[in-house]
Amino acid sequence: MTWTDERISELARLWDTGQSASAIGRILGVSKNAVVGKAHRMRLAARPSPIRQERRAPSRRRIPILTKPVDKSAPVAAPIIEPAPEPRPTISKDPRGAKCLWPIGDPRQAEFHFCGGSAIEGKPYCADHCAVAYIVRPPRGEERAA
């Protein structure tokens, strides 16, 4: 595709009338990107973005207003520091070992429950559900030939 003098002047005229790059491209028989590139190289006036950007009013930082003056001569009490609560275990354990936490059914239904089988040590699921949950990849170099 060659930009002739006639095509360039037609591009400039259509650009000044406010035609979109797509419309100009259809009229001239070129792509929208060709129109935009040529308009840029010709240094035609830039167009505003067709994507509207909503401008938010800057939020003001609220400063609390004291309702009564502070007595600076009064003694200040030390803050009370309470000990942190004991962390709860994520996997419930009973004397027979950890139970499989694989969900069975819809949690919104009364029949919903967990598998409850013996979980593998260090995993939340039993052997059957671990086989479903975890993908074991072969070591490098032992990949199957396609």
Protein backbone atom coordinates (compact mmCIF):
# COMPACT_ATOMS: atom_id res chain seq x y z
CA MET A 1 0.00 0.00 0.00
CA THR A 2 1.38 3.36 -1.01
CA TRP A 3 0.43 6.69 0.53
CA THR A 4 -0.14 8.96 -2.43
CA ASP A 5 -0.51 12.72 -2.13
CA GLU A 6 -4.26 12.38 -2.73
CA ARG A 7 -4.66 9.75 -0.01
CA ILE A 8 -2.61 11.81 2.45
CA SER A 9 -4.70 14.93 1.85
CA GLU A 10 -7.92 12.87 2.15
CA LEU A 11 -6.63 11.39 5.42
CA ALA A 12 -5.90 14.86 6.79
CA ARG A 13 -9.32 16.15 5.70
CA LEU A 14 -11.21 13.21 7.23
CA TRP A 15 -9.10 13.40 10.40
CA ASP A 16 -9.97 17.09 10.80
CA THR A 17 -13.69 16.35 10.40
CA GLY A 18 -13.48 14.01 13.41
CA GLN A 19 -13.93 10.69 11.59
CA SER A 20 -12.71 7.66 13.52
CA ALA A 21 -9.56 5.87 12.39
CA SER A 22 -11.68 2.82 11.52
CA ALA A 23 -14.02 4.90 9.33
CA ILE A 24 -11.10 6.60 7.59
CA GLY A 25 -9.50 3.21 6.99
CA ARG A 26 -12.68 1.87 5.38
CA ILE A 27 -12.92 4.94 3.13
CA LEU A 28 -9.27 4.77 2.07
CA GLY A 29 -9.16 0.96 1.88
CA VAL A 30 -6.49 0.53 4.58
CA SER A 31 -6.43 -0.75 8.13
CA LYS A 32 -7.19 1.35 11.17
CA ASN A 33 -3.61 0.88 12.33
CA ALA A 34 -2.26 2.16 9.02
CA VAL A 35 -4.39 5.29 9.46
CA VAL A 36 -3.25 5.82 13.04
CA GLY A 37 0.41 5.26 12.12
CA LYS A 38 0.29 7.69 9.20
CA ALA A 39 -1.58 10.31 11.26
CA HIS A 40 1.09 9.99 13.94
CA ARG A 41 3.91 10.39 11.40
CA MET A 42 2.10 13.42 9.92
CA ARG A 43 1.84 14.83 13.46
CA LEU A 44 -1.91 15.34 13.17
CA ALA A 45 -3.72 16.44 16.33
CA ALA A 46 -4.05 13.61 18.84
CA ARG A 47 -7.51 12.22 19.56
CA PRO A 48 -8.93 11.77 23.05
CA SER A 49 -9.09 8.16 24.17
CA PRO A 50 -12.43 6.50 23.38
CA ILE A 51 -12.19 4.75 26.75
CA ARG A 52 -13.87 6.92 29.34
CA GLN A 53 -12.02 7.30 32.56
CA GLU A 54 -14.05 8.24 35.57
CA ARG A 55 -12.38 10.79 37.74
CA ARG A 56 -12.99 10.41 41.44
CA ALA A 57 -13.02 13.43 43.64
CA PRO A 58 -10.01 13.31 45.90
CA SER A 59 -11.06 11.94 49.25
CA ARG A 60 -10.40 14.15 52.20
CA ARG A 61 -8.67 12.67 55.15
CA ARG A 62 -10.92 12.92 58.16
CA ILE A 63 -9.38 14.15 61.36
CA PRO A 64 -11.26 13.25 64.53
CA ILE A 65 -12.46 16.18 66.56
CA LEU A 66 -12.16 15.85 70.32
CA THR A 67 -15.37 16.64 72.13
CA LYS A 68 -13.67 17.68 75.36
CA PRO A 69 -10.20 19.03 76.01
CA VAL A 70 -7.52 16.61 77.12
CA ASP A 71 -6.15 17.14 80.63
CA LYS A 72 -2.39 16.94 80.10
CA SER A 73 -1.66 16.95 83.82
CA ALA A 74 -3.54 13.67 84.42
CA PRO A 75 -1.38 10.51 84.69
CA VAL A 76 -1.44 8.22 81.68
CA ALA A 77 -2.18 4.56 82.37
CA ALA A 78 0.06 1.96 80.75
CA PRO A 79 -1.68 -0.10 78.07
CA ILE A 80 -2.82 -3.56 79.10
CA ILE A 81 -1.09 -6.21 77.02
CA GLU A 82 -2.94 -9.49 76.84
CA PRO A 83 -1.20 -12.71 75.77
CA ALA A 84 -1.89 -13.92 72.24
CA PRO A 85 -4.37 -16.80 72.00
CA GLU A 86 -3.00 -20.29 71.47
CA PRO A 87 -2.92 -21.25 67.77
CA ARG A 88 -5.46 -23.87 66.77
CA PRO A 89 -4.34 -26.83 64.65
CA THR A 90 -5.57 -26.77 61.07
CA ILE A 91 -6.04 -30.54 60.85
CA SER A 92 -8.11 -32.08 63.61
CA LYS A 93 -6.40 -35.08 65.14
CA ASP A 94 -7.82 -37.79 67.30
CA PRO A 95 -6.10 -40.69 69.10
CA ARG A 96 -6.39 -42.89 65.99
CA GLY A 97 -4.57 -40.33 63.78
CA ALA A 98 -5.53 -37.58 61.35
CA LYS A 99 -8.72 -37.91 59.33
CA CYS A 100 -9.11 -37.26 55.58
CA LEU A 101 -10.59 -33.82 54.95
CA TRP A 102 -11.74 -34.49 51.36
CA PRO A 103 -15.18 -32.83 51.00
CA ILE A 104 -18.00 -35.05 49.80
CA GLY A 105 -21.21 -33.49 48.52
CA ASP A 106 -22.50 -29.93 48.43
CA PRO A 107 -21.63 -27.87 51.54
CA ARG A 108 -25.09 -26.31 51.40
CA GLN A 109 -26.79 -29.70 51.78
CA ALA A 110 -27.36 -31.65 55.00
CA GLU A 111 -25.65 -34.75 53.53
CA PHE A 112 -22.33 -32.90 53.18
CA HIS A 113 -19.42 -34.55 55.01
CA PHE A 114 -15.70 -35.21 54.82
CA CYS A 115 -14.19 -38.56 53.82
CA GLY A 116 -12.92 -39.30 57.33
CA GLY A 117 -10.48 -42.03 56.26
CA SER A 118 -6.95 -42.20 57.68
CA ALA A 119 -4.95 -39.28 56.31
CA ILE A 120 -1.40 -39.73 55.11
CA GLU A 121 1.12 -38.16 57.51
CA GLY A 122 1.76 -34.55 56.54
CA LYS A 123 -1.20 -34.47 54.13
CA PRO A 124 -4.84 -33.60 54.74
CA TYR A 125 -6.18 -36.51 52.64
CA CYS A 126 -6.20 -40.31 52.57
CA ALA A 127 -4.17 -42.20 49.94
CA ASP A 128 -7.07 -42.39 47.45
CA HIS A 129 -7.82 -38.68 47.64
CA CYS A 130 -4.11 -37.74 47.56
CA ALA A 131 -3.92 -39.60 44.24
CA VAL A 132 -6.66 -37.29 42.92
CA ALA A 133 -5.44 -34.07 44.54
CA TYR A 134 -1.72 -34.17 43.75
CA ILE A 135 -0.02 -34.53 40.37
CA VAL A 136 3.26 -36.40 40.50
CA ARG A 137 5.57 -35.52 37.65
CA PRO A 138 8.34 -37.87 36.57
CA PRO A 139 11.91 -36.72 37.34
CA ARG A 140 13.65 -34.77 34.58
CA GLY A 141 15.04 -36.99 31.87
CA GLU A 142 12.46 -39.72 32.44
CA GLU A 143 9.71 -37.98 30.46
CA ARG A 144 7.69 -40.14 28.13
CA ALA A 145 8.38 -39.88 24.41
CA ALA A 146 5.35 -38.72 22.46
